[in-house]
Protein backbone atom coordinates (compact mmCIF):
# COMPACT_ATOMS: atom_id res chain seq x y z
CA UNK A 1 7.41 -2.64 -9.37
CA UNK A 2 7.81 0.67 -10.38
CA UNK A 3 5.51 3.36 -11.77
CA UNK A 4 6.80 3.84 -15.79
CA UNK A 5 9.11 0.72 -15.00
CA UNK A 6 9.71 -0.49 -18.91
CA UNK A 7 12.33 -3.17 -18.04
CA UNK A 8 11.25 -6.40 -15.71
CA UNK A 9 12.85 -9.50 -14.76
CA UNK A 10 13.56 -12.47 -12.24
CA UNK A 11 17.48 -13.27 -10.40
CA UNK A 12 17.57 -16.48 -10.59
CA UNK A 13 19.89 -18.94 -7.66
CA UNK A 14 20.90 -22.17 -7.82
CA UNK A 15 21.23 -23.68 -4.08
CA UNK A 16 23.79 -25.50 -2.77
CA UNK A 17 22.26 -29.08 -1.43
CA UNK A 18 21.51 -29.03 2.36
CA UNK A 19 24.28 -31.02 3.30
CA UNK A 20 27.10 -28.51 1.66
CA UNK A 21 25.11 -25.41 3.41
CA UNK A 22 24.68 -26.70 7.17
CA UNK A 23 28.26 -28.09 7.11
CA UNK A 24 29.86 -24.65 6.81
CA UNK A 25 32.39 -23.70 9.53
CA UNK A 26 31.95 -20.90 12.32
CA UNK A 27 34.97 -20.18 12.24
CA UNK A 28 37.36 -18.64 9.37
CA UNK A 29 40.84 -17.76 8.20
CA UNK A 30 41.06 -13.85 7.34
CA UNK A 31 44.80 -12.08 6.62
CA UNK A 32 44.97 -8.57 7.31
CA UNK A 33 47.57 -6.16 5.01
CA UNK A 34 50.60 -7.20 7.21
CA UNK A 35 49.98 -10.57 6.62
CA UNK A 36 48.60 -11.37 10.33
CA UNK A 37 45.75 -14.29 10.18
CA UNK A 38 42.99 -14.47 12.87
CA UNK A 39 39.97 -16.21 12.78
CA UNK A 40 36.49 -14.45 11.99
CA UNK A 41 32.82 -15.68 13.04
CA UNK A 42 31.10 -16.99 9.97
CA UNK A 43 27.53 -15.96 10.38
CA UNK A 44 24.67 -18.23 9.44
CA UNK A 45 23.23 -15.94 6.91
CA UNK A 46 26.64 -15.33 4.86
CA UNK A 47 26.87 -18.97 5.01
CA UNK A 48 23.48 -19.17 3.22
CA UNK A 49 24.77 -16.45 0.83
CA UNK A 50 27.79 -18.39 -0.13
CA UNK A 51 25.57 -21.37 -1.01
CA UNK A 52 23.51 -19.66 -3.39
CA UNK A 53 24.77 -19.10 -7.31
CA UNK A 54 23.28 -16.36 -9.03
CA UNK A 55 22.79 -17.97 -12.38
CA UNK A 56 21.65 -14.76 -14.42
CA UNK A 57 23.42 -11.61 -12.99
CA UNK A 58 24.56 -10.54 -16.57
CA UNK A 59 20.65 -10.76 -17.39
CA UNK A 60 18.64 -10.75 -14.51
CA UNK A 61 15.74 -8.55 -16.85
CA UNK A 62 14.25 -10.07 -19.97
CA UNK A 63 11.05 -8.49 -20.26
CA UNK A 64 10.13 -5.49 -21.54
CA UNK A 65 6.65 -3.43 -20.54
CA UNK A 66 5.56 -1.70 -23.45
CA UNK A 67 3.84 0.62 -22.44
CA UNK A 68 5.64 1.40 -19.51
CA UNK A 69 4.29 -0.90 -16.36
CA UNK A 70 1.68 1.07 -13.74
CA UNK A 71 2.80 0.76 -9.91
CA UNK A 72 0.86 -2.35 -8.31
CA UNK A 73 -0.48 -3.55 -11.83
CA UNK A 74 -0.41 -7.54 -12.47
CA UNK A 75 1.56 -6.77 -15.58
CA UNK A 76 2.89 -10.20 -17.08
CA UNK A 77 2.19 -14.07 -16.19
CA UNK A 78 4.69 -16.25 -16.41
CA UNK A 79 5.40 -19.96 -17.16
CA UNK A 80 8.58 -21.66 -16.41
CA UNK A 81 9.64 -24.56 -18.48
CA UNK A 82 13.26 -26.73 -18.69
CA UNK A 83 13.24 -27.89 -22.22
CA UNK A 84 15.04 -30.63 -23.68
CA UNK A 85 18.67 -28.78 -23.57
CA UNK A 86 18.40 -28.00 -19.92
CA UNK A 87 17.34 -24.60 -20.21
CA UNK A 88 15.03 -22.55 -18.03
CA UNK A 89 12.90 -20.94 -20.34
CA UNK A 90 9.77 -18.76 -19.75
CA UNK A 91 6.86 -17.56 -21.53
CA UNK A 92 5.23 -14.56 -20.87
CA UNK A 93 1.93 -13.09 -21.53
CA UNK A 94 1.25 -9.70 -21.33
CA UNK A 95 -2.11 -8.95 -19.39
CA UNK A 96 -2.68 -5.16 -20.14
CA UNK A 97 -1.83 -6.16 -23.96
CA UNK A 98 -3.44 -9.61 -24.42
CA UNK A 99 -0.13 -10.72 -26.21
CA UNK A 100 2.22 -13.83 -25.60
CA UNK A 101 5.86 -11.30 -25.57
CA UNK A 102 7.86 -14.48 -24.75
CA UNK A 103 7.74 -17.97 -25.65
CA UNK A 104 9.81 -20.35 -24.72
CA UNK A 105 12.88 -17.65 -24.03
CA UNK A 106 16.05 -19.54 -22.74
CA UNK A 107 17.04 -17.66 -19.72
CA UNK A 108 19.66 -19.43 -18.16
CA UNK A 109 21.59 -22.79 -19.13
CA UNK A 110 20.98 -25.34 -15.97
CA UNK A 111 23.94 -27.91 -15.12
């Protein structure tokens, strides 16, 4: 958290099953502008990045600190649940203001 920060949130990712992640090839085919093909090494980091799907990329911030946050401050206590509609929900308690600011707010629908 930064001094004066107002918008906060979390990036929510879905990870591919371990067998999918580990089954990736060490090489892939890349084509250049002229249509020529060549093999390119795929690093373990690239394989891991490709096995993650960012679920809330369009809306990663879902909390507003009012008044703005102070650097290093524990500001919110979060509780996550999955509701009956397969949505990840968040309840957020503002530790400074001693109030619930989100109550089972849907963050993302799960598959």
